Amino acid sequence: MDYSHHALLLQVNDVVNTDISSLLQSSVEYRTFSYEQCKVEDARELVRLAHQRPDKEEVQTFVVRTNFITLDAQHTLLKVLEEPPPSTKFILVLPQQFPLLQTLRSRLFDVTDNNKQSEAVVEFEDFISQSISDRLAQIDKAAKGDDKDWMQAIKQGLVFYLQTGAKENATQRQRLEMVARLLLTRGSANKMLLEQLALVVPLASKNEKR
């Protein structure tokens, strides 16, 4: 399939392992950048590299895979995605439901399969609607069963929660951002991170609208 737009957006359940071969074209030089969290310094480096000509082909495409992009990083990428160098294109691979700035999203051509809706937000809202003891019991069950799919859904739901009006104080929010950043990363103590999430997020009704 031919996607000629200079910047594509693909939102998926598994940022690291999702196959994007259908988006790749021949005679294009590809470079992959993987971040657990894309920070402003990472975005600045992407902008710098985007203005360098590719080594072998006429066009290069940067495949950027990340589970989280800070607001400062999103602002940094705005101009290069609005007026990219003629020799550089982008493919951004992000989690389902990750809420990009509207100004940034408007510069991207969304190739996500809109018919395949993520259940991450629903899963997260169901989780935080439970009592603390029930949350901890669910975490214990997921940890014993090594249920990475559930953990990934909770992580994606937490990212959405943090960017759509979380009501915690600054200290609590900092702890939740740490959970969102570290959960399911290499060497992380997933059960402990989820338990911290369970204890920090206030109880919420299943019918509460965020």
N, C-alpha and C. Protein backbone atom coordinates (compact mmCIF):
# COMPACT_ATOMS: atom_id res chain seq x y z
N MET A 1 0.85 -1.19 0.00
CA MET A 1 0.00 0.00 0.00
C MET A 1 0.89 1.24 0.00
N ASP A 2 0.54 2.20 -0.80
CA ASP A 2 1.38 3.40 -0.96
C ASP A 2 0.87 4.52 -0.07
N TYR A 3 1.62 4.86 0.97
CA TYR A 3 1.31 6.00 1.82
C TYR A 3 2.34 7.09 1.52
N SER A 4 1.92 8.10 0.79
CA SER A 4 2.86 9.12 0.35
C SER A 4 2.95 10.30 1.32
N HIS A 5 2.12 10.34 2.34
CA HIS A 5 2.16 11.43 3.30
C HIS A 5 3.51 11.45 4.01
N HIS A 6 3.95 12.65 4.39
CA HIS A 6 5.29 12.78 4.97
C HIS A 6 5.38 12.28 6.41
N ALA A 7 4.24 12.09 7.08
CA ALA A 7 4.28 11.64 8.47
C ALA A 7 3.05 10.80 8.76
N LEU A 8 3.28 9.55 9.17
CA LEU A 8 2.19 8.62 9.45
C LEU A 8 2.09 8.38 10.96
N LEU A 9 0.89 8.13 11.42
CA LEU A 9 0.64 7.77 12.81
C LEU A 9 -0.01 6.40 12.86
N LEU A 10 0.58 5.50 13.65
CA LEU A 10 0.02 4.18 13.85
C LEU A 10 -0.07 3.93 15.35
N GLN A 11 -1.27 3.71 15.86
CA GLN A 11 -1.46 3.45 17.28
C GLN A 11 -1.86 1.99 17.47
N VAL A 12 -1.09 1.31 18.31
CA VAL A 12 -1.20 -0.15 18.41
C VAL A 12 -1.16 -0.59 19.87
N ASN A 13 -1.45 -1.87 20.09
CA ASN A 13 -1.39 -2.44 21.44
C ASN A 13 0.04 -2.74 21.87
N ASP A 14 0.88 -3.13 20.93
CA ASP A 14 2.26 -3.50 21.25
C ASP A 14 3.21 -2.65 20.41
N VAL A 15 3.71 -1.59 21.00
CA VAL A 15 4.55 -0.62 20.28
C VAL A 15 5.85 -1.27 19.79
N VAL A 16 6.42 -2.13 20.61
CA VAL A 16 7.74 -2.70 20.30
C VAL A 16 7.68 -3.73 19.18
N ASN A 17 6.67 -4.60 19.21
CA ASN A 17 6.68 -5.77 18.34
C ASN A 17 5.73 -5.71 17.14
N THR A 18 4.91 -4.68 17.04
CA THR A 18 3.97 -4.60 15.93
C THR A 18 4.69 -4.52 14.59
N ASP A 19 4.27 -5.36 13.66
CA ASP A 19 4.86 -5.39 12.31
C ASP A 19 4.32 -4.22 11.50
N ILE A 20 5.21 -3.39 10.97
CA ILE A 20 4.78 -2.24 10.17
C ILE A 20 5.23 -2.39 8.72
N SER A 21 5.52 -3.61 8.30
CA SER A 21 6.07 -3.82 6.95
C SER A 21 5.13 -3.32 5.86
N SER A 22 3.82 -3.31 6.13
CA SER A 22 2.87 -2.84 5.11
C SER A 22 3.00 -1.34 4.86
N LEU A 23 3.67 -0.63 5.77
CA LEU A 23 3.84 0.82 5.62
C LEU A 23 5.17 1.18 4.97
N LEU A 24 6.03 0.19 4.77
CA LEU A 24 7.37 0.45 4.26
C LEU A 24 7.39 0.39 2.74
N GLN A 25 8.23 1.22 2.15
CA GLN A 25 8.33 1.30 0.70
C GLN A 25 9.76 0.98 0.26
N SER A 26 9.88 0.55 -0.97
CA SER A 26 11.21 0.28 -1.51
C SER A 26 11.91 1.60 -1.83
N SER A 27 13.20 1.52 -1.99
CA SER A 27 14.03 2.69 -2.32
C SER A 27 13.93 3.79 -1.28
N VAL A 28 13.74 3.39 -0.05
CA VAL A 28 13.70 4.34 1.06
C VAL A 28 14.64 3.82 2.15
N GLU A 29 15.40 4.72 2.73
CA GLU A 29 16.30 4.36 3.81
C GLU A 29 15.57 4.51 5.14
N TYR A 30 15.55 3.45 5.94
CA TYR A 30 14.81 3.47 7.20
C TYR A 30 15.74 3.49 8.39
N ARG A 31 15.37 4.31 9.37
CA ARG A 31 16.08 4.35 10.64
C ARG A 31 15.05 4.22 11.76
N THR A 32 15.29 3.32 12.70
CA THR A 32 14.35 3.09 13.78
C THR A 32 14.88 3.68 15.09
N PHE A 33 14.00 4.42 15.78
CA PHE A 33 14.32 5.02 17.07
C PHE A 33 13.30 4.50 18.07
N SER A 34 13.78 3.83 19.11
CA SER A 34 12.89 3.25 20.12
C SER A 34 13.13 3.92 21.46
N TYR A 35 12.04 4.40 22.05
CA TYR A 35 12.12 5.05 23.36
C TYR A 35 11.02 4.49 24.26
N GLU A 36 11.36 4.24 25.51
CA GLU A 36 10.29 3.97 26.48
C GLU A 36 9.52 5.26 26.71
N GLN A 37 10.26 6.36 26.85
CA GLN A 37 9.66 7.68 26.97
C GLN A 37 10.46 8.64 26.10
N CYS A 38 9.82 9.25 25.14
CA CYS A 38 10.48 10.21 24.27
C CYS A 38 10.46 11.58 24.94
N LYS A 39 11.65 12.05 25.32
CA LYS A 39 11.77 13.31 26.03
C LYS A 39 12.16 14.43 25.07
N VAL A 40 12.20 15.64 25.58
CA VAL A 40 12.46 16.79 24.72
C VAL A 40 13.85 16.69 24.07
N GLU A 41 14.84 16.15 24.79
CA GLU A 41 16.17 16.03 24.20
C GLU A 41 16.17 14.99 23.07
N ASP A 42 15.34 13.97 23.19
CA ASP A 42 15.21 12.98 22.12
C ASP A 42 14.57 13.62 20.88
N ALA A 43 13.54 14.42 21.12
CA ALA A 43 12.87 15.10 20.02
C ALA A 43 13.81 16.07 19.30
N ARG A 44 14.64 16.77 20.06
CA ARG A 44 15.59 17.70 19.45
C ARG A 44 16.60 16.95 18.58
N GLU A 45 17.01 15.76 19.04
CA GLU A 45 17.95 14.97 18.25
C GLU A 45 17.28 14.46 16.97
N LEU A 46 16.00 14.08 17.05
CA LEU A 46 15.27 13.66 15.86
C LEU A 46 15.19 14.80 14.84
N VAL A 47 14.92 15.99 15.34
CA VAL A 47 14.84 17.16 14.44
C VAL A 47 16.19 17.40 13.78
N ARG A 48 17.26 17.31 14.57
CA ARG A 48 18.61 17.53 14.01
C ARG A 48 18.92 16.50 12.92
N LEU A 49 18.65 15.25 13.21
CA LEU A 49 18.96 14.19 12.26
C LEU A 49 18.08 14.26 11.02
N ALA A 50 16.85 14.76 11.20
CA ALA A 50 15.92 14.85 10.07
C ALA A 50 16.44 15.80 9.00
N HIS A 51 17.26 16.76 9.39
CA HIS A 51 17.79 17.73 8.44
C HIS A 51 19.10 17.27 7.79
N GLN A 52 19.53 16.07 8.14
CA GLN A 52 20.69 15.49 7.46
C GLN A 52 20.21 14.60 6.33
N ARG A 53 20.91 14.62 5.23
CA ARG A 53 20.51 13.80 4.09
C ARG A 53 20.80 12.33 4.38
N PRO A 54 19.98 11.43 3.82
CA PRO A 54 20.23 10.00 4.02
C PRO A 54 21.55 9.57 3.39
N ASP A 55 22.10 8.48 3.88
CA ASP A 55 23.40 8.02 3.41
C ASP A 55 23.35 7.39 2.02
N LYS A 56 22.29 6.62 1.73
CA LYS A 56 22.28 5.82 0.50
C LYS A 56 21.16 6.18 -0.46
N GLU A 57 19.96 6.45 0.05
CA GLU A 57 18.81 6.69 -0.82
C GLU A 57 18.48 8.17 -0.87
N GLU A 58 17.52 8.51 -1.75
CA GLU A 58 17.08 9.90 -1.87
C GLU A 58 16.19 10.31 -0.70
N VAL A 59 15.51 9.32 -0.12
CA VAL A 59 14.56 9.60 0.96
C VAL A 59 14.86 8.68 2.14
N GLN A 60 14.74 9.24 3.34
CA GLN A 60 14.86 8.44 4.56
C GLN A 60 13.56 8.56 5.36
N THR A 61 13.20 7.49 6.04
CA THR A 61 12.03 7.49 6.92
C THR A 61 12.46 7.12 8.32
N PHE A 62 12.08 7.94 9.28
CA PHE A 62 12.37 7.67 10.68
C PHE A 62 11.17 6.94 11.27
N VAL A 63 11.39 5.72 11.72
CA VAL A 63 10.36 4.96 12.43
C VAL A 63 10.58 5.20 13.92
N VAL A 64 9.66 5.90 14.54
CA VAL A 64 9.80 6.27 15.96
C VAL A 64 8.80 5.46 16.76
N ARG A 65 9.31 4.54 17.57
CA ARG A 65 8.47 3.71 18.43
C ARG A 65 8.64 4.18 19.87
N THR A 66 7.55 4.56 20.50
CA THR A 66 7.64 5.01 21.89
C THR A 66 6.32 4.79 22.61
N ASN A 67 6.42 4.49 23.90
CA ASN A 67 5.23 4.30 24.72
C ASN A 67 4.71 5.59 25.32
N PHE A 68 5.53 6.65 25.24
CA PHE A 68 5.13 7.91 25.88
C PHE A 68 5.92 9.05 25.24
N ILE A 69 5.25 10.13 24.92
CA ILE A 69 5.93 11.34 24.44
C ILE A 69 5.55 12.48 25.37
N THR A 70 6.52 13.10 25.99
CA THR A 70 6.22 14.22 26.88
C THR A 70 5.66 15.38 26.07
N LEU A 71 4.97 16.27 26.77
CA LEU A 71 4.38 17.43 26.08
C LEU A 71 5.45 18.31 25.45
N ASP A 72 6.57 18.49 26.16
CA ASP A 72 7.66 19.30 25.61
C ASP A 72 8.21 18.67 24.32
N ALA A 73 8.31 17.35 24.31
CA ALA A 73 8.80 16.66 23.11
C ALA A 73 7.80 16.82 21.96
N GLN A 74 6.52 16.76 22.27
CA GLN A 74 5.51 16.95 21.22
C GLN A 74 5.61 18.34 20.61
N HIS A 75 5.77 19.33 21.46
CA HIS A 75 5.91 20.71 20.96
C HIS A 75 7.16 20.84 20.09
N THR A 76 8.24 20.17 20.49
CA THR A 76 9.49 20.24 19.73
C THR A 76 9.33 19.65 18.33
N LEU A 77 8.51 18.63 18.20
CA LEU A 77 8.34 17.95 16.91
C LEU A 77 7.38 18.67 15.97
N LEU A 78 6.64 19.65 16.48
CA LEU A 78 5.60 20.28 15.67
C LEU A 78 6.12 20.82 14.33
N LYS A 79 7.17 21.62 14.38
CA LYS A 79 7.62 22.29 13.15
C LYS A 79 8.17 21.30 12.13
N VAL A 80 8.96 20.33 12.59
CA VAL A 80 9.55 19.40 11.63
C VAL A 80 8.48 18.51 11.00
N LEU A 81 7.37 18.30 11.70
CA LEU A 81 6.28 17.52 11.13
C LEU A 81 5.36 18.37 10.26
N GLU A 82 5.41 19.67 10.47
CA GLU A 82 4.62 20.57 9.61
C GLU A 82 5.38 20.90 8.33
N GLU A 83 6.69 21.14 8.45
CA GLU A 83 7.52 21.48 7.30
C GLU A 83 8.76 20.59 7.31
N PRO A 84 8.60 19.32 7.01
CA PRO A 84 9.75 18.41 7.08
C PRO A 84 10.72 18.65 5.93
N PRO A 85 11.98 18.32 6.11
CA PRO A 85 12.91 18.38 4.98
C PRO A 85 12.41 17.44 3.88
N PRO A 86 12.63 17.78 2.62
CA PRO A 86 12.09 16.97 1.52
C PRO A 86 12.61 15.54 1.50
N SER A 87 13.73 15.29 2.16
CA SER A 87 14.32 13.95 2.13
C SER A 87 13.96 13.09 3.34
N THR A 88 13.13 13.61 4.24
CA THR A 88 12.83 12.87 5.47
C THR A 88 11.33 12.74 5.71
N LYS A 89 10.92 11.50 6.02
CA LYS A 89 9.54 11.23 6.42
C LYS A 89 9.55 10.56 7.79
N PHE A 90 8.36 10.46 8.37
CA PHE A 90 8.24 9.89 9.71
C PHE A 90 7.11 8.87 9.77
N ILE A 91 7.32 7.84 10.59
CA ILE A 91 6.26 6.93 11.02
C ILE A 91 6.31 6.89 12.54
N LEU A 92 5.26 7.36 13.20
CA LEU A 92 5.19 7.34 14.65
C LEU A 92 4.34 6.15 15.08
N VAL A 93 4.91 5.27 15.89
CA VAL A 93 4.20 4.10 16.41
C VAL A 93 3.99 4.32 17.91
N LEU A 94 2.74 4.49 18.30
CA LEU A 94 2.40 4.84 19.67
C LEU A 94 1.34 3.89 20.22
N PRO A 95 1.15 3.89 21.55
CA PRO A 95 0.11 3.03 22.13
C PRO A 95 -1.29 3.48 21.70
N GLN A 96 -2.18 2.51 21.67
CA GLN A 96 -3.59 2.84 21.47
C GLN A 96 -4.02 3.83 22.53
N GLN A 97 -4.86 4.77 22.14
CA GLN A 97 -5.47 5.75 23.04
C GLN A 97 -4.50 6.81 23.56
N PHE A 98 -3.24 6.79 23.11
CA PHE A 98 -2.33 7.84 23.59
C PHE A 98 -2.80 9.18 23.04
N PRO A 99 -3.10 10.15 23.91
CA PRO A 99 -3.69 11.41 23.47
C PRO A 99 -2.64 12.44 23.05
N LEU A 100 -2.36 12.50 21.79
CA LEU A 100 -1.43 13.50 21.27
C LEU A 100 -2.06 14.89 21.29
N LEU A 101 -1.21 15.91 21.35
CA LEU A 101 -1.70 17.27 21.14
C LEU A 101 -2.42 17.35 19.79
N GLN A 102 -3.54 18.05 19.77
CA GLN A 102 -4.30 18.13 18.52
C GLN A 102 -3.49 18.79 17.42
N THR A 103 -2.66 19.76 17.78
CA THR A 103 -1.83 20.42 16.77
C THR A 103 -0.83 19.46 16.15
N LEU A 104 -0.34 18.53 16.97
CA LEU A 104 0.61 17.52 16.45
C LEU A 104 -0.14 16.48 15.63
N ARG A 105 -1.26 16.01 16.15
CA ARG A 105 -2.05 15.00 15.43
C ARG A 105 -2.47 15.50 14.05
N SER A 106 -2.75 16.78 13.93
CA SER A 106 -3.21 17.33 12.66
C SER A 106 -2.14 17.29 11.58
N ARG A 107 -0.89 17.13 11.98
CA ARG A 107 0.22 17.05 11.03
C ARG A 107 0.50 15.62 10.58
N LEU A 108 -0.23 14.66 11.15
CA LEU A 108 0.00 13.24 10.88
C LEU A 108 -1.16 12.63 10.11
N PHE A 109 -0.84 11.67 9.26
CA PHE A 109 -1.87 10.90 8.57
C PHE A 109 -2.06 9.60 9.34
N ASP A 110 -3.24 9.45 9.94
CA ASP A 110 -3.51 8.32 10.83
C ASP A 110 -3.82 7.07 10.02
N VAL A 111 -2.96 6.06 10.13
CA VAL A 111 -3.17 4.81 9.42
C VAL A 111 -3.59 3.69 10.38
N THR A 112 -4.00 4.08 11.58
CA THR A 112 -4.50 3.10 12.55
C THR A 112 -5.81 2.51 12.05
N ASP A 113 -5.98 1.22 12.29
CA ASP A 113 -7.24 0.56 11.95
C ASP A 113 -8.29 1.01 12.95
N ASN A 114 -9.13 1.94 12.51
CA ASN A 114 -10.12 2.50 13.43
C ASN A 114 -11.21 1.51 13.82
N ASN A 115 -11.32 0.40 13.09
CA ASN A 115 -12.34 -0.59 13.43
C ASN A 115 -11.89 -1.50 14.58
N LYS A 116 -10.61 -1.41 14.92
CA LYS A 116 -10.07 -2.24 15.99
C LYS A 116 -9.80 -1.36 17.21
N GLN A 117 -10.80 -1.23 18.07
CA GLN A 117 -10.72 -0.32 19.19
C GLN A 117 -10.01 -0.96 20.37
N SER A 118 -9.15 -0.19 20.99
CA SER A 118 -8.45 -0.70 22.16
C SER A 118 -9.39 -0.76 23.36
N GLU A 119 -9.19 -1.78 24.20
CA GLU A 119 -9.97 -1.92 25.42
C GLU A 119 -9.20 -1.40 26.63
N ALA A 120 -8.09 -0.74 26.37
CA ALA A 120 -7.22 -0.33 27.48
C ALA A 120 -7.91 0.63 28.45
N VAL A 121 -8.61 1.63 27.93
CA VAL A 121 -9.24 2.61 28.80
C VAL A 121 -10.34 1.97 29.62
N VAL A 122 -11.12 1.11 29.00
CA VAL A 122 -12.18 0.40 29.71
C VAL A 122 -11.59 -0.47 30.81
N GLU A 123 -10.50 -1.17 30.50
CA GLU A 123 -9.84 -2.03 31.47
C GLU A 123 -9.32 -1.22 32.66
N PHE A 124 -8.73 -0.07 32.37
CA PHE A 124 -8.19 0.78 33.43
C PHE A 124 -9.31 1.34 34.30
N GLU A 125 -10.38 1.82 33.67
CA GLU A 125 -11.49 2.38 34.44
C GLU A 125 -12.16 1.32 35.31
N ASP A 126 -12.23 0.10 34.81
CA ASP A 126 -12.77 -0.99 35.62
C ASP A 126 -11.86 -1.26 36.81
N PHE A 127 -10.55 -1.19 36.57
CA PHE A 127 -9.58 -1.42 37.64
C PHE A 127 -9.71 -0.38 38.74
N ILE A 128 -9.76 0.90 38.39
CA ILE A 128 -9.80 1.95 39.42
C ILE A 128 -11.17 2.09 40.07
N SER A 129 -12.18 1.43 39.50
CA SER A 129 -13.51 1.45 40.13
C SER A 129 -13.59 0.47 41.30
N GLN A 130 -12.58 -0.39 41.43
CA GLN A 130 -12.59 -1.41 42.47
C GLN A 130 -12.03 -0.86 43.78
N SER A 131 -12.30 -1.57 44.85
CA SER A 131 -11.72 -1.24 46.15
C SER A 131 -10.22 -1.51 46.10
N ILE A 132 -9.49 -0.94 47.06
CA ILE A 132 -8.04 -1.16 47.11
C ILE A 132 -7.72 -2.64 47.22
N SER A 133 -8.44 -3.36 48.07
CA SER A 133 -8.16 -4.78 48.25
C SER A 133 -8.43 -5.57 46.98
N ASP A 134 -9.48 -5.20 46.25
CA ASP A 134 -9.77 -5.89 44.99
C ASP A 134 -8.73 -5.56 43.92
N ARG A 135 -8.26 -4.33 43.90
CA ARG A 135 -7.19 -3.95 42.97
C ARG A 135 -5.95 -4.81 43.23
N LEU A 136 -5.57 -4.91 44.50
CA LEU A 136 -4.37 -5.66 44.84
C LEU A 136 -4.54 -7.14 44.51
N ALA A 137 -5.74 -7.66 44.69
CA ALA A 137 -5.99 -9.06 44.35
C ALA A 137 -5.87 -9.28 42.85
N GLN A 138 -6.36 -8.33 42.06
CA GLN A 138 -6.26 -8.45 40.61
C GLN A 138 -4.81 -8.37 40.16
N ILE A 139 -4.04 -7.49 40.79
CA ILE A 139 -2.61 -7.38 40.47
C ILE A 139 -1.89 -8.68 40.81
N ASP A 140 -2.20 -9.25 41.96
CA ASP A 140 -1.57 -10.50 42.38
C ASP A 140 -1.87 -11.61 41.37
N LYS A 141 -3.12 -11.67 40.92
CA LYS A 141 -3.51 -12.68 39.93
C LYS A 141 -2.77 -12.49 38.61
N ALA A 142 -2.67 -11.23 38.16
CA ALA A 142 -1.98 -10.94 36.89
C ALA A 142 -0.49 -11.25 36.99
N ALA A 143 0.11 -10.94 38.16
CA ALA A 143 1.53 -11.19 38.34
C ALA A 143 1.83 -12.69 38.35
N LYS A 144 0.99 -13.45 39.04
CA LYS A 144 1.20 -14.90 39.11
C LYS A 144 1.01 -15.55 37.74
N GLY A 145 0.08 -15.01 36.94
CA GLY A 145 -0.16 -15.55 35.61
C GLY A 145 0.68 -14.91 34.53
N ASP A 146 1.54 -13.96 34.94
CA ASP A 146 2.39 -13.23 33.98
C ASP A 146 1.54 -12.68 32.84
N ASP A 147 0.43 -12.02 33.20
CA ASP A 147 -0.53 -11.51 32.22
C ASP A 147 -0.05 -10.15 31.69
N LYS A 148 0.86 -10.19 30.71
CA LYS A 148 1.42 -8.96 30.16
C LYS A 148 0.39 -8.16 29.37
N ASP A 149 -0.57 -8.83 28.76
CA ASP A 149 -1.61 -8.11 28.01
C ASP A 149 -2.41 -7.21 28.94
N TRP A 150 -2.77 -7.74 30.10
CA TRP A 150 -3.52 -6.93 31.06
C TRP A 150 -2.67 -5.77 31.58
N MET A 151 -1.42 -6.06 31.88
CA MET A 151 -0.53 -5.01 32.36
C MET A 151 -0.37 -3.91 31.31
N GLN A 152 -0.24 -4.31 30.04
CA GLN A 152 -0.10 -3.32 28.97
C GLN A 152 -1.35 -2.47 28.86
N ALA A 153 -2.52 -3.08 28.99
CA ALA A 153 -3.77 -2.32 28.95
C ALA A 153 -3.84 -1.32 30.09
N ILE A 154 -3.41 -1.75 31.28
CA ILE A 154 -3.42 -0.84 32.43
C ILE A 154 -2.44 0.31 32.20
N LYS A 155 -1.29 0.00 31.63
CA LYS A 155 -0.31 1.05 31.36
C LYS A 155 -0.87 2.07 30.36
N GLN A 156 -1.48 1.60 29.30
CA GLN A 156 -2.03 2.50 28.30
C GLN A 156 -3.18 3.32 28.89
N GLY A 157 -4.01 2.66 29.70
CA GLY A 157 -5.10 3.39 30.35
C GLY A 157 -4.59 4.45 31.30
N LEU A 158 -3.48 4.16 31.99
CA LEU A 158 -2.88 5.14 32.90
C LEU A 158 -2.35 6.34 32.14
N VAL A 159 -1.72 6.11 30.99
CA VAL A 159 -1.22 7.21 30.17
C VAL A 159 -2.38 8.13 29.79
N PHE A 160 -3.49 7.54 29.37
CA PHE A 160 -4.66 8.33 29.00
C PHE A 160 -5.18 9.10 30.22
N TYR A 161 -5.24 8.43 31.34
CA TYR A 161 -5.72 9.03 32.59
C TYR A 161 -4.88 10.26 32.97
N LEU A 162 -3.57 10.13 32.84
CA LEU A 162 -2.67 11.22 33.23
C LEU A 162 -2.83 12.45 32.33
N GLN A 163 -3.23 12.23 31.09
CA GLN A 163 -3.31 13.34 30.16
C GLN A 163 -4.73 13.86 29.96
N THR A 164 -5.67 13.33 30.73
CA THR A 164 -7.06 13.77 30.57
C THR A 164 -7.69 14.15 31.90
N GLY A 165 -6.91 14.79 32.75
CA GLY A 165 -7.50 15.38 33.94
C GLY A 165 -7.35 14.61 35.23
N ALA A 166 -6.27 13.89 35.41
CA ALA A 166 -6.04 13.21 36.69
C ALA A 166 -6.06 14.23 37.82
N LYS A 167 -6.65 13.86 38.95
CA LYS A 167 -6.90 14.83 40.03
C LYS A 167 -5.91 14.74 41.18
N GLU A 168 -4.88 13.95 41.06
CA GLU A 168 -3.93 13.77 42.15
C GLU A 168 -3.10 15.04 42.38
N ASN A 169 -2.52 15.14 43.58
CA ASN A 169 -1.62 16.25 43.84
C ASN A 169 -0.29 16.01 43.14
N ALA A 170 0.62 16.97 43.24
CA ALA A 170 1.87 16.91 42.46
C ALA A 170 2.70 15.68 42.82
N THR A 171 2.77 15.36 44.11
CA THR A 171 3.56 14.19 44.53
C THR A 171 2.95 12.90 44.01
N GLN A 172 1.63 12.77 44.14
CA GLN A 172 0.95 11.58 43.64
C GLN A 172 1.10 11.45 42.13
N ARG A 173 0.96 12.56 41.43
CA ARG A 173 1.08 12.54 39.97
C ARG A 173 2.48 12.10 39.56
N GLN A 174 3.48 12.59 40.27
CA GLN A 174 4.86 12.19 39.97
C GLN A 174 5.03 10.68 40.12
N ARG A 175 4.42 10.11 41.13
CA ARG A 175 4.50 8.66 41.34
C ARG A 175 3.79 7.90 40.21
N LEU A 176 2.65 8.42 39.77
CA LEU A 176 1.92 7.76 38.69
C LEU A 176 2.68 7.86 37.38
N GLU A 177 3.31 9.00 37.13
CA GLU A 177 4.10 9.15 35.91
C GLU A 177 5.28 8.18 35.91
N MET A 178 5.85 7.93 37.11
CA MET A 178 6.92 6.96 37.21
C MET A 178 6.42 5.56 36.87
N VAL A 179 5.22 5.22 37.35
CA VAL A 179 4.63 3.92 37.01
C VAL A 179 4.42 3.81 35.51
N ALA A 180 3.86 4.85 34.90
CA ALA A 180 3.61 4.83 33.45
C ALA A 180 4.90 4.69 32.67
N ARG A 181 5.98 5.29 33.17
CA ARG A 181 7.25 5.26 32.47
C ARG A 181 7.96 3.90 32.61
N LEU A 182 7.87 3.29 33.79
CA LEU A 182 8.69 2.10 34.08
C LEU A 182 7.96 0.78 33.89
N LEU A 183 6.66 0.77 33.98
CA LEU A 183 5.92 -0.49 33.90
C LEU A 183 6.22 -1.21 32.59
N LEU A 184 6.55 -2.48 32.70
CA LEU A 184 6.85 -3.36 31.57
C LEU A 184 8.16 -3.02 30.84
N THR A 185 8.99 -2.22 31.46
CA THR A 185 10.32 -2.00 30.89
C THR A 185 11.26 -3.08 31.41
N ARG A 186 12.38 -3.23 30.75
CA ARG A 186 13.32 -4.30 31.10
C ARG A 186 13.81 -4.14 32.54
N GLY A 187 13.68 -5.22 33.32
CA GLY A 187 14.16 -5.22 34.68
C GLY A 187 13.24 -4.56 35.69
N SER A 188 12.07 -4.11 35.25
CA SER A 188 11.17 -3.41 36.18
C SER A 188 10.45 -4.38 37.09
N ALA A 189 10.12 -3.92 38.29
CA ALA A 189 9.34 -4.71 39.25
C ALA A 189 7.86 -4.41 38.99
N ASN A 190 7.29 -5.10 38.03
CA ASN A 190 5.94 -4.77 37.57
C ASN A 190 4.89 -4.85 38.68
N LYS A 191 4.98 -5.88 39.51
CA LYS A 191 3.99 -6.04 40.57
C LYS A 191 4.05 -4.87 41.55
N MET A 192 5.24 -4.47 41.94
CA MET A 192 5.39 -3.35 42.87
C MET A 192 4.89 -2.05 42.26
N LEU A 193 5.16 -1.85 40.97
CA LEU A 193 4.69 -0.64 40.30
C LEU A 193 3.16 -0.60 40.24
N LEU A 194 2.56 -1.74 39.92
CA LEU A 194 1.10 -1.81 39.87
C LEU A 194 0.48 -1.61 41.25
N GLU A 195 1.14 -2.13 42.28
CA GLU A 195 0.63 -1.93 43.64
C GLU A 195 0.69 -0.46 44.03
N GLN A 196 1.74 0.23 43.59
CA GLN A 196 1.82 1.66 43.85
C GLN A 196 0.67 2.40 43.15
N LEU A 197 0.40 1.99 41.90
CA LEU A 197 -0.73 2.56 41.17
C LEU A 197 -2.03 2.33 41.93
N ALA A 198 -2.23 1.11 42.40
CA ALA A 198 -3.46 0.76 43.11
C ALA A 198 -3.66 1.61 44.36
N LEU A 199 -2.57 1.96 45.03
CA LEU A 199 -2.67 2.72 46.27
C LEU A 199 -2.78 4.23 46.05
N VAL A 200 -2.32 4.71 44.90
CA VAL A 200 -2.29 6.16 44.66
C VAL A 200 -3.57 6.67 44.01
N VAL A 201 -4.07 5.94 43.02
CA VAL A 201 -5.26 6.43 42.30
C VAL A 201 -6.48 6.36 43.20
N PRO A 202 -7.22 7.45 43.34
CA PRO A 202 -8.41 7.42 44.20
C PRO A 202 -9.49 6.52 43.62
N LEU A 203 -10.41 6.09 44.48
CA LEU A 203 -11.51 5.28 44.02
C LEU A 203 -12.36 6.07 43.04
N ALA A 204 -12.84 5.39 42.00
CA ALA A 204 -13.66 6.06 41.00
C ALA A 204 -14.83 5.18 40.64
N SER A 205 -15.95 5.81 40.40
CA SER A 205 -17.13 5.08 39.97
C SER A 205 -16.96 4.56 38.55
N LYS A 206 -17.53 3.40 38.25
CA LYS A 206 -17.48 2.87 36.90
C LYS A 206 -18.17 3.80 35.92
N ASN A 207 -19.12 4.58 36.42
CA ASN A 207 -19.89 5.46 35.53
C ASN A 207 -19.30 6.86 35.44
N GLU A 208 -18.20 7.09 36.16
CA GLU A 208 -17.59 8.43 36.14
C GLU A 208 -17.01 8.73 34.78
N LYS A 209 -17.28 9.86 34.24
CA LYS A 209 -16.78 10.28 32.92
C LYS A 209 -15.53 11.10 33.12
N ARG A 210 -14.50 10.77 32.36
CA ARG A 210 -13.26 11.52 32.42
C ARG A 210 -13.14 12.35 31.17
